[in-house]
Amino acid sequence: MSVLNYTMPLLNGQEQDLSDYAGKVVLVVNTASKCGFTPQYDGLETLYQNLKDDGLVILGFPCNQFGKQEPGSAGDIGAFCQKNYGVSFPMFSKIDVNGSNAAPLYDELKSSAPGVMGTKAIKWNFTKFLIGRDGKVIDRYAPTTTPESLKADILKALQA
């Protein structure tokens, strides 16, 4: 069973079938524009540019659940990401990652790769999930884990 069996709206409102990314290595990240980790967009974009031709795709999911650090509209988020970080990987509409309104994709990601001591809840912005070409979650990474430090794991997944 692939965690990519969902359809999610992009920032522009267009529905994106995540199964379109089957066969790729996917990095899913919950993002925010006003967070101390926001500069990670730069590292994410660098990873994407360097490895997209090898089969990596990064999916950004803005979330306003942590310190209200993503208050903007879809247009605001897109403009911010483009202007400040040149983000070219797919960015999706704002979602909840925890609670009763959490996106089903995130419920499945959290079940597939619990956090420290088995906790399922996302603790903060820029939590990352690496998904293999088979659609199964390889690992979950803390917000403090920089995109650059994921490169070895991503390369290993790309070669699998």
N, C-alpha and C. Protein backbone atom coordinates (compact mmCIF):
# COMPACT_ATOMS: atom_id res chain seq x y z
N MET A 1 0.85 -1.19 0.00
CA MET A 1 0.00 0.00 0.00
C MET A 1 0.89 1.25 0.00
N SER A 2 0.66 2.12 -0.94
CA SER A 2 1.45 3.34 -1.06
C SER A 2 0.79 4.48 -0.28
N VAL A 3 1.63 5.30 0.35
CA VAL A 3 1.09 6.49 1.00
C VAL A 3 0.73 7.55 -0.03
N LEU A 4 0.98 7.27 -1.29
CA LEU A 4 0.70 8.25 -2.34
C LEU A 4 -0.67 8.04 -2.98
N ASN A 5 -1.56 7.34 -2.31
CA ASN A 5 -2.90 7.08 -2.85
C ASN A 5 -3.89 8.17 -2.44
N TYR A 6 -3.49 9.42 -2.58
CA TYR A 6 -4.34 10.55 -2.21
C TYR A 6 -4.30 11.59 -3.32
N THR A 7 -5.33 12.38 -3.36
CA THR A 7 -5.38 13.54 -4.23
C THR A 7 -5.44 14.76 -3.32
N MET A 8 -4.55 15.72 -3.58
CA MET A 8 -4.44 16.90 -2.73
C MET A 8 -4.44 18.15 -3.62
N PRO A 9 -5.04 19.24 -3.13
CA PRO A 9 -5.03 20.47 -3.91
C PRO A 9 -3.71 21.22 -3.82
N LEU A 10 -3.20 21.63 -4.98
CA LEU A 10 -2.02 22.48 -5.04
C LEU A 10 -2.38 23.90 -4.61
N LEU A 11 -1.38 24.75 -4.42
CA LEU A 11 -1.65 26.15 -4.03
C LEU A 11 -2.58 26.85 -5.00
N ASN A 12 -2.51 26.48 -6.29
CA ASN A 12 -3.38 27.13 -7.28
C ASN A 12 -4.79 26.54 -7.30
N GLY A 13 -5.06 25.58 -6.42
CA GLY A 13 -6.39 24.98 -6.32
C GLY A 13 -6.57 23.75 -7.19
N GLN A 14 -5.65 23.50 -8.12
CA GLN A 14 -5.75 22.33 -9.00
C GLN A 14 -5.49 21.07 -8.18
N GLU A 15 -6.32 20.04 -8.40
CA GLU A 15 -6.15 18.77 -7.70
C GLU A 15 -4.95 18.02 -8.28
N GLN A 16 -4.11 17.49 -7.40
CA GLN A 16 -2.93 16.72 -7.82
C GLN A 16 -3.04 15.31 -7.25
N ASP A 17 -3.06 14.33 -8.14
CA ASP A 17 -3.08 12.93 -7.73
C ASP A 17 -1.65 12.56 -7.34
N LEU A 18 -1.44 12.24 -6.07
CA LEU A 18 -0.08 11.94 -5.61
C LEU A 18 0.46 10.65 -6.22
N SER A 19 -0.43 9.80 -6.74
CA SER A 19 0.06 8.57 -7.39
C SER A 19 0.85 8.91 -8.67
N ASP A 20 0.73 10.14 -9.15
CA ASP A 20 1.55 10.58 -10.28
C ASP A 20 3.05 10.54 -9.93
N TYR A 21 3.36 10.53 -8.63
CA TYR A 21 4.75 10.50 -8.18
C TYR A 21 5.23 9.08 -7.89
N ALA A 22 4.40 8.08 -8.17
CA ALA A 22 4.80 6.68 -7.97
C ALA A 22 6.06 6.41 -8.79
N GLY A 23 6.98 5.66 -8.21
CA GLY A 23 8.23 5.35 -8.89
C GLY A 23 9.31 6.39 -8.64
N LYS A 24 8.95 7.47 -7.96
CA LYS A 24 9.93 8.50 -7.60
C LYS A 24 10.23 8.39 -6.10
N VAL A 25 11.31 8.98 -5.68
CA VAL A 25 11.58 9.15 -4.27
C VAL A 25 10.96 10.48 -3.88
N VAL A 26 10.13 10.47 -2.84
CA VAL A 26 9.35 11.65 -2.46
C VAL A 26 9.73 12.09 -1.06
N LEU A 27 9.98 13.38 -0.90
CA LEU A 27 10.20 13.98 0.41
C LEU A 27 9.01 14.88 0.70
N VAL A 28 8.24 14.54 1.73
CA VAL A 28 7.06 15.31 2.12
C VAL A 28 7.44 16.16 3.33
N VAL A 29 7.12 17.45 3.27
CA VAL A 29 7.50 18.39 4.33
C VAL A 29 6.33 19.30 4.65
N ASN A 30 6.01 19.43 5.96
CA ASN A 30 5.03 20.45 6.35
C ASN A 30 5.79 21.75 6.58
N THR A 31 5.36 22.80 5.92
CA THR A 31 6.12 24.04 5.86
C THR A 31 5.39 25.21 6.52
N ALA A 32 6.13 26.28 6.73
CA ALA A 32 5.57 27.54 7.24
C ALA A 32 6.49 28.68 6.84
N SER A 33 5.91 29.82 6.55
CA SER A 33 6.67 30.97 6.04
C SER A 33 7.28 31.85 7.13
N LYS A 34 6.80 31.71 8.36
CA LYS A 34 7.26 32.60 9.42
C LYS A 34 7.85 31.81 10.59
N CYS A 35 8.62 30.79 10.28
CA CYS A 35 9.17 29.88 11.27
C CYS A 35 10.69 30.01 11.29
N GLY A 36 11.31 29.69 12.41
CA GLY A 36 12.76 29.70 12.48
C GLY A 36 13.40 28.72 11.51
N PHE A 37 12.64 27.69 11.09
CA PHE A 37 13.14 26.71 10.14
C PHE A 37 12.84 27.07 8.69
N THR A 38 12.16 28.18 8.46
CA THR A 38 11.78 28.58 7.10
C THR A 38 12.98 28.63 6.14
N PRO A 39 14.17 29.03 6.58
CA PRO A 39 15.31 29.02 5.65
C PRO A 39 15.62 27.64 5.07
N GLN A 40 15.03 26.58 5.64
CA GLN A 40 15.22 25.24 5.06
C GLN A 40 14.65 25.16 3.64
N TYR A 41 13.77 26.07 3.28
CA TYR A 41 13.28 26.10 1.89
C TYR A 41 14.46 26.16 0.92
N ASP A 42 15.49 26.90 1.30
CA ASP A 42 16.67 27.03 0.44
C ASP A 42 17.33 25.67 0.22
N GLY A 43 17.56 24.93 1.29
CA GLY A 43 18.16 23.61 1.18
C GLY A 43 17.26 22.62 0.45
N LEU A 44 15.96 22.72 0.69
CA LEU A 44 15.02 21.84 -0.02
C LEU A 44 15.06 22.10 -1.52
N GLU A 45 15.08 23.37 -1.89
CA GLU A 45 15.12 23.71 -3.32
C GLU A 45 16.44 23.23 -3.95
N THR A 46 17.54 23.36 -3.22
CA THR A 46 18.83 22.89 -3.73
C THR A 46 18.79 21.37 -3.95
N LEU A 47 18.28 20.62 -2.97
CA LEU A 47 18.13 19.17 -3.15
C LEU A 47 17.29 18.86 -4.38
N TYR A 48 16.18 19.55 -4.50
CA TYR A 48 15.27 19.31 -5.62
C TYR A 48 15.95 19.57 -6.95
N GLN A 49 16.63 20.71 -7.06
CA GLN A 49 17.30 21.05 -8.32
C GLN A 49 18.40 20.04 -8.66
N ASN A 50 19.12 19.60 -7.64
CA ASN A 50 20.24 18.69 -7.88
C ASN A 50 19.82 17.25 -8.15
N LEU A 51 18.65 16.83 -7.66
CA LEU A 51 18.28 15.42 -7.73
C LEU A 51 16.97 15.13 -8.44
N LYS A 52 16.28 16.17 -8.91
CA LYS A 52 14.98 15.90 -9.56
C LYS A 52 15.14 15.06 -10.82
N ASP A 53 16.21 15.25 -11.55
CA ASP A 53 16.42 14.47 -12.78
C ASP A 53 16.74 13.01 -12.47
N ASP A 54 17.13 12.73 -11.22
CA ASP A 54 17.40 11.36 -10.80
C ASP A 54 16.16 10.68 -10.21
N GLY A 55 15.08 11.46 -10.04
CA GLY A 55 13.84 10.87 -9.56
C GLY A 55 13.35 11.38 -8.22
N LEU A 56 13.92 12.47 -7.70
CA LEU A 56 13.43 13.04 -6.44
C LEU A 56 12.34 14.08 -6.70
N VAL A 57 11.30 14.04 -5.89
CA VAL A 57 10.32 15.12 -5.89
C VAL A 57 10.10 15.50 -4.43
N ILE A 58 9.97 16.80 -4.19
CA ILE A 58 9.68 17.32 -2.85
C ILE A 58 8.28 17.90 -2.89
N LEU A 59 7.49 17.57 -1.89
CA LEU A 59 6.12 18.06 -1.79
C LEU A 59 6.00 18.88 -0.52
N GLY A 60 5.67 20.17 -0.67
CA GLY A 60 5.52 21.06 0.47
C GLY A 60 4.06 21.24 0.83
N PHE A 61 3.78 21.08 2.13
CA PHE A 61 2.41 21.22 2.63
C PHE A 61 2.38 22.28 3.72
N PRO A 62 2.02 23.52 3.36
CA PRO A 62 1.94 24.58 4.36
C PRO A 62 0.94 24.21 5.46
N CYS A 63 1.29 24.59 6.69
CA CYS A 63 0.46 24.28 7.84
C CYS A 63 0.55 25.44 8.83
N ASN A 64 -0.59 25.82 9.38
CA ASN A 64 -0.67 26.95 10.32
C ASN A 64 -0.90 26.48 11.75
N GLN A 65 -0.65 25.20 12.04
CA GLN A 65 -0.97 24.65 13.36
C GLN A 65 0.10 24.90 14.41
N PHE A 66 1.27 25.38 14.03
CA PHE A 66 2.36 25.54 14.98
C PHE A 66 2.71 27.00 15.11
N GLY A 67 2.26 27.62 16.18
CA GLY A 67 2.56 29.02 16.43
C GLY A 67 1.96 29.97 15.40
N LYS A 68 0.95 29.51 14.66
CA LYS A 68 0.29 30.35 13.64
C LYS A 68 1.33 30.96 12.70
N GLN A 69 2.31 30.13 12.26
CA GLN A 69 3.43 30.63 11.47
C GLN A 69 3.20 30.53 9.96
N GLU A 70 1.98 30.17 9.57
CA GLU A 70 1.63 30.17 8.13
C GLU A 70 0.24 30.78 7.99
N PRO A 71 0.12 32.09 8.29
CA PRO A 71 -1.19 32.72 8.30
C PRO A 71 -1.72 33.15 6.92
N GLY A 72 -0.86 33.18 5.93
CA GLY A 72 -1.22 33.75 4.63
C GLY A 72 -2.15 32.90 3.79
N SER A 73 -2.64 33.52 2.74
CA SER A 73 -3.47 32.84 1.75
C SER A 73 -2.57 32.01 0.83
N ALA A 74 -3.19 31.20 0.00
CA ALA A 74 -2.43 30.40 -0.96
C ALA A 74 -1.55 31.30 -1.83
N GLY A 75 -2.10 32.43 -2.28
CA GLY A 75 -1.34 33.37 -3.09
C GLY A 75 -0.16 33.96 -2.34
N ASP A 76 -0.38 34.29 -1.06
CA ASP A 76 0.71 34.83 -0.23
C ASP A 76 1.83 33.81 -0.06
N ILE A 77 1.44 32.56 0.20
CA ILE A 77 2.42 31.49 0.42
C ILE A 77 3.25 31.27 -0.85
N GLY A 78 2.57 31.16 -1.97
CA GLY A 78 3.27 30.94 -3.24
C GLY A 78 4.22 32.07 -3.57
N ALA A 79 3.77 33.30 -3.39
CA ALA A 79 4.62 34.46 -3.69
C ALA A 79 5.82 34.49 -2.75
N PHE A 80 5.61 34.22 -1.48
CA PHE A 80 6.70 34.20 -0.51
C PHE A 80 7.75 33.16 -0.89
N CYS A 81 7.30 31.94 -1.18
CA CYS A 81 8.23 30.85 -1.50
C CYS A 81 9.02 31.14 -2.77
N GLN A 82 8.36 31.70 -3.76
CA GLN A 82 9.03 32.00 -5.03
C GLN A 82 10.01 33.16 -4.86
N LYS A 83 9.55 34.25 -4.26
CA LYS A 83 10.36 35.46 -4.14
C LYS A 83 11.59 35.24 -3.25
N ASN A 84 11.40 34.56 -2.12
CA ASN A 84 12.46 34.45 -1.13
C ASN A 84 13.38 33.24 -1.31
N TYR A 85 12.83 32.17 -1.91
CA TYR A 85 13.62 30.94 -1.99
C TYR A 85 13.62 30.30 -3.38
N GLY A 86 12.92 30.87 -4.33
CA GLY A 86 12.88 30.32 -5.68
C GLY A 86 12.29 28.92 -5.75
N VAL A 87 11.37 28.63 -4.83
CA VAL A 87 10.80 27.28 -4.74
C VAL A 87 10.13 26.89 -6.06
N SER A 88 10.56 25.76 -6.60
CA SER A 88 9.96 25.27 -7.85
C SER A 88 9.34 23.88 -7.67
N PHE A 89 9.55 23.26 -6.50
CA PHE A 89 8.90 21.97 -6.26
C PHE A 89 7.42 22.20 -5.92
N PRO A 90 6.58 21.17 -6.06
CA PRO A 90 5.15 21.35 -5.84
C PRO A 90 4.82 21.79 -4.41
N MET A 91 4.03 22.84 -4.34
CA MET A 91 3.51 23.34 -3.06
C MET A 91 1.99 23.17 -3.07
N PHE A 92 1.48 22.67 -1.97
CA PHE A 92 0.07 22.34 -1.87
C PHE A 92 -0.68 23.34 -1.01
N SER A 93 -1.99 23.26 -1.04
CA SER A 93 -2.82 24.12 -0.21
C SER A 93 -2.57 23.83 1.26
N LYS A 94 -2.82 24.84 2.08
CA LYS A 94 -2.61 24.73 3.51
C LYS A 94 -3.46 23.60 4.08
N ILE A 95 -2.86 22.80 4.96
CA ILE A 95 -3.57 21.68 5.56
C ILE A 95 -3.29 21.64 7.07
N ASP A 96 -4.06 20.80 7.76
CA ASP A 96 -3.76 20.43 9.14
C ASP A 96 -3.03 19.10 9.08
N VAL A 97 -2.03 18.94 9.94
CA VAL A 97 -1.28 17.69 9.99
C VAL A 97 -1.58 16.90 11.27
N ASN A 98 -2.23 17.54 12.23
CA ASN A 98 -2.62 16.91 13.48
C ASN A 98 -4.09 17.17 13.75
N GLY A 99 -4.69 16.39 14.63
CA GLY A 99 -6.05 16.63 15.08
C GLY A 99 -7.10 16.00 14.19
N SER A 100 -8.34 16.31 14.51
CA SER A 100 -9.47 15.68 13.82
C SER A 100 -9.61 16.13 12.37
N ASN A 101 -9.01 17.26 12.02
CA ASN A 101 -9.08 17.75 10.64
C ASN A 101 -7.78 17.48 9.87
N ALA A 102 -6.92 16.62 10.41
CA ALA A 102 -5.66 16.32 9.74
C ALA A 102 -5.92 15.68 8.38
N ALA A 103 -5.12 16.04 7.41
CA ALA A 103 -5.22 15.44 6.07
C ALA A 103 -4.96 13.94 6.20
N PRO A 104 -5.79 13.11 5.55
CA PRO A 104 -5.58 11.65 5.61
C PRO A 104 -4.16 11.23 5.22
N LEU A 105 -3.54 11.95 4.28
CA LEU A 105 -2.16 11.66 3.91
C LEU A 105 -1.28 11.71 5.16
N TYR A 106 -1.44 12.74 5.97
CA TYR A 106 -0.61 12.88 7.17
C TYR A 106 -0.94 11.85 8.22
N ASP A 107 -2.20 11.47 8.34
CA ASP A 107 -2.54 10.39 9.26
C ASP A 107 -1.78 9.12 8.88
N GLU A 108 -1.74 8.83 7.59
CA GLU A 108 -1.03 7.63 7.14
C GLU A 108 0.48 7.77 7.31
N LEU A 109 1.04 8.93 6.99
CA LEU A 109 2.48 9.14 7.20
C LEU A 109 2.86 8.94 8.66
N LYS A 110 2.08 9.51 9.56
CA LYS A 110 2.38 9.41 11.00
C LYS A 110 2.26 7.97 11.49
N SER A 111 1.30 7.22 10.97
CA SER A 111 1.16 5.81 11.35
C SER A 111 2.31 4.97 10.80
N SER A 112 2.74 5.30 9.59
CA SER A 112 3.81 4.54 8.94
C SER A 112 5.18 4.80 9.56
N ALA A 113 5.38 5.99 10.11
CA ALA A 113 6.68 6.36 10.68
C ALA A 113 6.46 7.22 11.92
N PRO A 114 6.17 6.57 13.04
CA PRO A 114 5.99 7.34 14.28
C PRO A 114 7.27 8.07 14.66
N GLY A 115 7.10 9.09 15.47
CA GLY A 115 8.25 9.87 15.92
C GLY A 115 8.94 9.22 17.11
N VAL A 116 9.69 10.03 17.83
CA VAL A 116 10.45 9.57 18.99
C VAL A 116 9.50 8.93 20.01
N MET A 117 9.92 7.79 20.52
CA MET A 117 9.15 7.04 21.52
C MET A 117 7.74 6.69 21.04
N GLY A 118 7.58 6.54 19.73
CA GLY A 118 6.32 6.08 19.18
C GLY A 118 5.23 7.13 19.05
N THR A 119 5.57 8.39 19.33
CA THR A 119 4.55 9.44 19.19
C THR A 119 4.20 9.61 17.71
N LYS A 120 2.92 9.85 17.46
CA LYS A 120 2.50 10.02 16.08
C LYS A 120 2.36 11.47 15.68
N ALA A 121 2.03 12.34 16.64
CA ALA A 121 1.78 13.74 16.31
C ALA A 121 3.01 14.39 15.70
N ILE A 122 2.76 15.28 14.75
CA ILE A 122 3.82 16.13 14.21
C ILE A 122 4.09 17.19 15.27
N LYS A 123 5.36 17.38 15.60
CA LYS A 123 5.71 18.30 16.69
C LYS A 123 5.88 19.74 16.25
N TRP A 124 6.29 19.96 14.98
CA TRP A 124 6.53 21.34 14.55
C TRP A 124 6.65 21.38 13.03
N ASN A 125 6.78 22.58 12.50
CA ASN A 125 6.98 22.80 11.07
C ASN A 125 8.27 22.12 10.61
N PHE A 126 8.30 21.76 9.35
CA PHE A 126 9.46 21.18 8.68
C PHE A 126 9.83 19.78 9.18
N THR A 127 8.81 19.03 9.65
CA THR A 127 8.98 17.60 9.85
C THR A 127 8.98 16.99 8.45
N LYS A 128 9.86 16.01 8.24
CA LYS A 128 10.05 15.47 6.88
C LYS A 128 9.82 13.97 6.87
N PHE A 129 9.22 13.48 5.79
CA PHE A 129 9.03 12.05 5.56
C PHE A 129 9.64 11.70 4.22
N LEU A 130 10.52 10.68 4.21
CA LEU A 130 11.12 10.20 2.98
C LEU A 130 10.38 8.94 2.54
N ILE A 131 9.90 8.95 1.31
CA ILE A 131 9.12 7.85 0.74
C ILE A 131 9.90 7.26 -0.42
N GLY A 132 10.03 5.94 -0.41
CA GLY A 132 10.76 5.25 -1.45
C GLY A 132 9.98 5.13 -2.74
N ARG A 133 10.65 4.63 -3.76
CA ARG A 133 10.02 4.46 -5.08
C ARG A 133 8.81 3.52 -5.03
N ASP A 134 8.77 2.65 -4.01
CA ASP A 134 7.65 1.72 -3.85
C ASP A 134 6.46 2.34 -3.13
N GLY A 135 6.57 3.62 -2.75
CA GLY A 135 5.47 4.30 -2.08
C GLY A 135 5.41 4.06 -0.58
N LYS A 136 6.41 3.40 -0.03
CA LYS A 136 6.45 3.14 1.41
C LYS A 136 7.37 4.15 2.10
N VAL A 137 6.96 4.54 3.32
CA VAL A 137 7.76 5.49 4.08
C VAL A 137 9.07 4.83 4.52
N ILE A 138 10.17 5.48 4.22
CA ILE A 138 11.50 5.01 4.62
C ILE A 138 11.84 5.52 6.01
N ASP A 139 11.60 6.82 6.25
CA ASP A 139 11.96 7.40 7.53
C ASP A 139 11.25 8.73 7.74
N ARG A 140 11.26 9.13 9.00
CA ARG A 140 10.71 10.41 9.43
C ARG A 140 11.86 11.19 10.05
N TYR A 141 11.91 12.50 9.77
CA TYR A 141 13.00 13.33 10.25
C TYR A 141 12.44 14.54 11.00
N ALA A 142 13.13 14.90 12.07
CA ALA A 142 12.73 16.04 12.90
C ALA A 142 12.91 17.36 12.16
N PRO A 143 12.20 18.39 12.61
CA PRO A 143 12.35 19.71 11.99
C PRO A 143 13.80 20.22 12.02
N THR A 144 14.57 19.82 13.01
CA THR A 144 15.95 20.27 13.12
C THR A 144 16.87 19.58 12.13
N THR A 145 16.41 18.51 11.50
CA THR A 145 17.21 17.80 10.50
C THR A 145 17.23 18.64 9.23
N THR A 146 18.39 19.08 8.83
CA THR A 146 18.49 19.96 7.67
C THR A 146 18.33 19.17 6.38
N PRO A 147 17.83 19.82 5.34
CA PRO A 147 17.72 19.14 4.05
C PRO A 147 19.07 18.59 3.57
N GLU A 148 20.14 19.33 3.80
CA GLU A 148 21.46 18.90 3.36
C GLU A 148 21.86 17.56 3.99
N SER A 149 21.47 17.37 5.24
CA SER A 149 21.85 16.14 5.95
C SER A 149 21.05 14.93 5.48
N LEU A 150 20.02 15.15 4.68
CA LEU A 150 19.20 14.05 4.15
C LEU A 150 19.76 13.50 2.84
N LYS A 151 20.74 14.16 2.27
CA LYS A 151 21.20 13.80 0.93
C LYS A 151 21.64 12.34 0.82
N ALA A 152 22.38 11.83 1.80
CA ALA A 152 22.85 10.44 1.73
C ALA A 152 21.66 9.47 1.72
N ASP A 153 20.66 9.72 2.58
CA ASP A 153 19.48 8.85 2.61
C ASP A 153 18.70 8.93 1.30
N ILE A 154 18.61 10.12 0.74
CA ILE A 154 17.89 10.30 -0.52
C ILE A 154 18.62 9.58 -1.64
N LEU A 155 19.95 9.73 -1.68
CA LEU A 155 20.72 9.04 -2.73
C LEU A 155 20.57 7.52 -2.62
N LYS A 156 20.58 7.02 -1.41
CA LYS A 156 20.40 5.57 -1.19
C LYS A 156 19.03 5.14 -1.71
N ALA A 157 18.01 5.93 -1.42
CA ALA A 157 16.65 5.60 -1.88
C ALA A 157 16.55 5.68 -3.39
N LEU A 158 17.24 6.64 -3.99
CA LEU A 158 17.20 6.78 -5.45
C LEU A 158 17.87 5.58 -6.14
N GLN A 159 18.84 4.99 -5.47
CA GLN A 159 19.55 3.85 -6.06
C GLN A 159 18.84 2.52 -5.82
N ALA A 160 17.86 2.51 -4.92
CA ALA A 160 17.17 1.25 -4.58
C ALA A 160 16.28 0.80 -5.73
